[in-house]
Amino acid sequence: MGYRLSKIYTRTGDAGTTGLGDGSRVGKDAPRVAALGDVDELNAILGILLCEALPEEVRMLLTGVQHDLFDLGGELSVPGGAFLKDTQPGRLETAIDRYNGELAPLKEFILPGGTRASALTHHARTVCRRAERAVVALARGNDGEAVSEPSRQYLNRLSDLLFVLARWLNKHAGHGDVMWQKGINA
């Protein structure tokens, strides 16, 4: 970081623009800023999840994910930047395989819930999917802005990991999946 923030308010955004990492200014409603905001929100939700009592291995995994998401945010804030490495989505695949290997195969849809930690993980998963949609929309927009392949892959794998972790956290706490029951209120 070339400089440290010593003054938090600058008033430069009062007209509805914000500065990117390359020094350019864009509207606060620009697709790049929306994608950056969704990634930031995902990171914040993971921070809330990390306030829960979690197994140390999950805590370390999610803390690493937070750092990766900050890298992704940096990438999004610098048009043309590529900060995530090709190996980072693969690291998530390894974790998915590890945790999913302890779970029974799903035969029905499940509802978010069970334990608080699991419900928060499902919440993070849905925000991750939104962030992924925003990053894909950024890449497909009128300007076709560059978004690295590892970034798109990372968010896709992360949502899968969060789904598996939500189930694993329920199992680890001695709570089963919350199964969807078609037509329960019909």
Protein backbone atom coordinates (compact mmCIF):
# COMPACT_ATOMS: atom_id res chain seq x y z
CA MET A 1 0.00 0.00 0.00
CA GLY A 2 1.62 3.21 -1.18
CA TYR A 3 0.02 5.32 1.50
CA ARG A 4 -1.98 4.83 4.66
CA LEU A 5 -5.40 6.29 5.27
CA SER A 6 -4.95 8.96 7.87
CA LYS A 7 -8.05 10.92 6.94
CA ILE A 8 -11.20 8.86 6.45
CA TYR A 9 -13.46 11.43 4.86
CA THR A 10 -12.22 13.23 1.77
CA ARG A 11 -15.45 14.62 0.33
CA THR A 12 -14.27 13.49 -3.12
CA GLY A 13 -17.22 11.13 -3.38
CA ASP A 14 -19.88 13.69 -2.57
CA ALA A 15 -20.77 14.06 -6.27
CA GLY A 16 -21.46 10.33 -6.65
CA THR A 17 -18.08 9.13 -7.85
CA THR A 18 -15.38 7.05 -6.22
CA GLY A 19 -11.70 6.52 -6.87
CA LEU A 20 -10.33 3.23 -8.16
CA GLY A 21 -6.92 1.82 -7.34
CA ASP A 22 -5.45 3.10 -10.60
CA GLY A 23 -6.47 6.68 -9.76
CA SER A 24 -9.44 6.84 -12.14
CA ARG A 25 -12.87 7.89 -10.93
CA VAL A 26 -16.12 6.14 -11.73
CA GLY A 27 -19.73 6.45 -10.62
CA LYS A 28 -20.57 4.79 -7.34
CA ASP A 29 -23.21 2.85 -9.26
CA ALA A 30 -20.73 1.49 -11.83
CA PRO A 31 -20.70 -2.30 -12.33
CA ARG A 32 -17.11 -2.48 -11.07
CA VAL A 33 -18.05 -0.73 -7.84
CA ALA A 34 -21.12 -2.96 -7.43
CA ALA A 35 -18.96 -6.08 -7.80
CA LEU A 36 -16.41 -4.68 -5.37
CA GLY A 37 -19.19 -3.92 -2.87
CA ASP A 38 -20.61 -7.43 -3.10
CA VAL A 39 -17.17 -8.95 -2.47
CA ASP A 40 -16.72 -6.58 0.48
CA GLU A 41 -20.12 -7.59 1.88
CA LEU A 42 -19.19 -11.26 1.56
CA ASN A 43 -15.99 -10.62 3.47
CA ALA A 44 -17.95 -8.83 6.21
CA ILE A 45 -20.41 -11.73 6.54
CA LEU A 46 -17.49 -14.14 6.87
CA GLY A 47 -16.22 -11.86 9.64
CA ILE A 48 -19.53 -12.29 11.44
CA LEU A 49 -19.35 -16.06 10.94
CA LEU A 50 -15.85 -16.04 12.42
CA CYS A 51 -17.32 -14.59 15.64
CA GLU A 52 -19.03 -17.95 16.17
CA ALA A 53 -17.45 -20.89 17.98
CA LEU A 54 -15.94 -22.80 15.05
CA PRO A 55 -13.48 -25.65 14.79
CA GLU A 56 -9.97 -24.22 14.45
CA GLU A 57 -9.46 -25.79 11.01
CA VAL A 58 -12.60 -24.04 9.71
CA ARG A 59 -11.53 -20.77 11.35
CA MET A 60 -8.15 -20.94 9.61
CA LEU A 61 -9.75 -21.82 6.27
CA LEU A 62 -12.23 -18.94 6.43
CA THR A 63 -9.59 -16.47 7.60
CA GLY A 64 -7.55 -17.44 4.54
CA VAL A 65 -10.65 -16.90 2.39
CA GLN A 66 -11.03 -13.41 3.86
CA HIS A 67 -7.50 -12.58 2.76
CA ASP A 68 -8.23 -13.97 -0.71
CA LEU A 69 -11.38 -11.85 -0.92
CA PHE A 70 -9.37 -8.77 -0.02
CA ASP A 71 -7.00 -9.65 -2.86
CA LEU A 72 -10.01 -10.03 -5.15
CA GLY A 73 -11.30 -6.64 -4.02
CA GLY A 74 -7.92 -5.16 -4.86
CA GLU A 75 -8.09 -6.77 -8.27
CA LEU A 76 -11.53 -5.32 -8.88
CA SER A 77 -10.38 -1.88 -7.76
CA VAL A 78 -7.59 -1.82 -10.36
CA PRO A 79 -9.03 -2.26 -13.87
CA GLY A 80 -6.97 -4.89 -15.66
CA GLY A 81 -5.42 -6.08 -12.40
CA ALA A 82 -4.96 -9.79 -11.73
CA PHE A 83 -4.11 -10.46 -8.09
CA LEU A 84 -5.57 -13.95 -7.55
CA LYS A 85 -3.36 -16.86 -8.57
CA ASP A 86 -4.43 -19.84 -10.66
CA THR A 87 -3.83 -22.06 -7.61
CA GLN A 88 -6.36 -20.34 -5.33
CA PRO A 89 -9.54 -21.95 -6.77
CA GLY A 90 -7.81 -25.34 -6.53
CA ARG A 91 -7.13 -24.77 -2.84
CA LEU A 92 -10.89 -24.38 -2.36
CA GLU A 93 -11.54 -27.59 -4.33
CA THR A 94 -9.24 -29.46 -1.96
CA ALA A 95 -11.23 -28.12 1.01
CA ILE A 96 -14.55 -29.00 -0.66
CA ASP A 97 -13.38 -32.57 -1.20
CA ARG A 98 -12.11 -32.83 2.38
CA TYR A 99 -15.32 -31.65 4.07
CA ASN A 100 -17.76 -33.19 1.59
CA GLY A 101 -16.04 -36.55 2.09
CA GLU A 102 -17.46 -36.65 5.62
CA LEU A 103 -21.05 -35.96 4.53
CA ALA A 104 -23.79 -38.27 3.38
CA PRO A 105 -24.82 -37.72 -0.25
CA LEU A 106 -27.77 -35.37 -0.67
CA LYS A 107 -30.97 -36.93 -1.97
CA GLU A 108 -33.23 -33.93 -1.32
CA PHE A 109 -32.93 -30.17 -1.21
CA ILE A 110 -32.00 -28.63 2.11
CA LEU A 111 -33.03 -25.38 3.76
CA PRO A 112 -30.58 -22.94 5.30
CA GLY A 113 -30.54 -23.48 9.03
CA GLY A 114 -29.79 -25.95 11.72
CA THR A 115 -27.14 -24.26 13.81
CA ARG A 116 -26.43 -20.54 13.83
CA ALA A 117 -23.00 -21.13 12.29
CA SER A 118 -24.54 -23.17 9.48
CA ALA A 119 -27.22 -20.55 8.81
CA LEU A 120 -24.57 -17.81 8.67
CA THR A 121 -22.54 -19.94 6.27
CA HIS A 122 -25.59 -20.33 4.02
CA HIS A 123 -26.06 -16.56 4.17
CA ALA A 124 -22.44 -16.08 3.11
CA ARG A 125 -23.04 -18.56 0.27
CA THR A 126 -25.93 -16.51 -1.10
CA VAL A 127 -23.91 -13.29 -0.95
CA CYS A 128 -21.05 -15.13 -2.66
CA ARG A 129 -23.39 -16.09 -5.51
CA ARG A 130 -24.46 -12.45 -5.82
CA ALA A 131 -20.82 -11.35 -5.90
CA GLU A 132 -20.14 -13.95 -8.59
CA ARG A 133 -23.06 -12.65 -10.67
CA ALA A 134 -21.76 -9.09 -10.31
CA VAL A 135 -18.25 -10.09 -11.40
CA VAL A 136 -19.62 -12.02 -14.39
CA ALA A 137 -21.86 -9.06 -15.32
CA LEU A 138 -18.84 -6.77 -15.11
CA ALA A 139 -16.92 -8.99 -17.52
CA ARG A 140 -19.89 -9.26 -19.90
CA GLY A 141 -20.92 -5.60 -19.77
CA ASN A 142 -20.86 -3.14 -22.64
CA ASP A 143 -17.22 -2.35 -21.99
CA GLY A 144 -16.30 -6.02 -21.56
CA GLU A 145 -14.07 -5.09 -18.64
CA ALA A 146 -11.35 -7.58 -17.92
CA VAL A 147 -11.89 -9.87 -14.96
CA SER A 148 -9.36 -12.63 -14.40
CA GLU A 149 -10.43 -16.22 -14.85
CA PRO A 150 -9.14 -17.19 -11.37
CA SER A 151 -11.42 -14.53 -9.86
CA ARG A 152 -14.54 -15.93 -11.51
CA GLN A 153 -13.49 -19.48 -10.65
CA TYR A 154 -12.69 -18.54 -7.06
CA LEU A 155 -16.16 -17.16 -6.35
CA ASN A 156 -17.79 -20.17 -8.00
CA ARG A 157 -15.74 -22.61 -5.90
CA LEU A 158 -16.22 -20.53 -2.76
CA SER A 159 -20.01 -20.74 -2.97
CA ASP A 160 -19.69 -24.53 -3.30
CA LEU A 161 -17.34 -24.64 -0.32
CA LEU A 162 -19.72 -22.56 1.78
CA PHE A 163 -22.59 -24.93 0.94
CA VAL A 164 -20.50 -27.93 1.99
CA LEU A 165 -19.23 -26.15 5.13
CA ALA A 166 -22.80 -25.26 6.17
CA ARG A 167 -23.72 -28.95 6.04
CA TRP A 168 -20.47 -29.98 7.74
CA LEU A 169 -20.93 -27.47 10.56
CA ASN A 170 -24.39 -28.88 11.25
CA LYS A 171 -23.01 -32.41 11.31
CA HIS A 172 -20.07 -31.39 13.49
CA ALA A 173 -22.52 -29.86 15.99
CA GLY A 174 -24.62 -33.05 16.01
CA HIS A 175 -27.43 -31.45 14.00
CA GLY A 176 -28.66 -32.86 10.72
CA ASP A 177 -29.51 -31.03 7.54
CA VAL A 178 -32.82 -29.19 7.49
CA MET A 179 -34.68 -30.96 4.71
CA TRP A 180 -37.08 -29.21 2.37
CA GLN A 181 -40.51 -30.81 2.36
CA LYS A 182 -42.41 -30.16 -0.83
CA GLY A 183 -45.92 -28.86 -0.26
CA ILE A 184 -45.62 -28.89 3.53
CA ASN A 185 -48.04 -25.97 3.81
CA ALA A 186 -50.35 -26.96 0.97
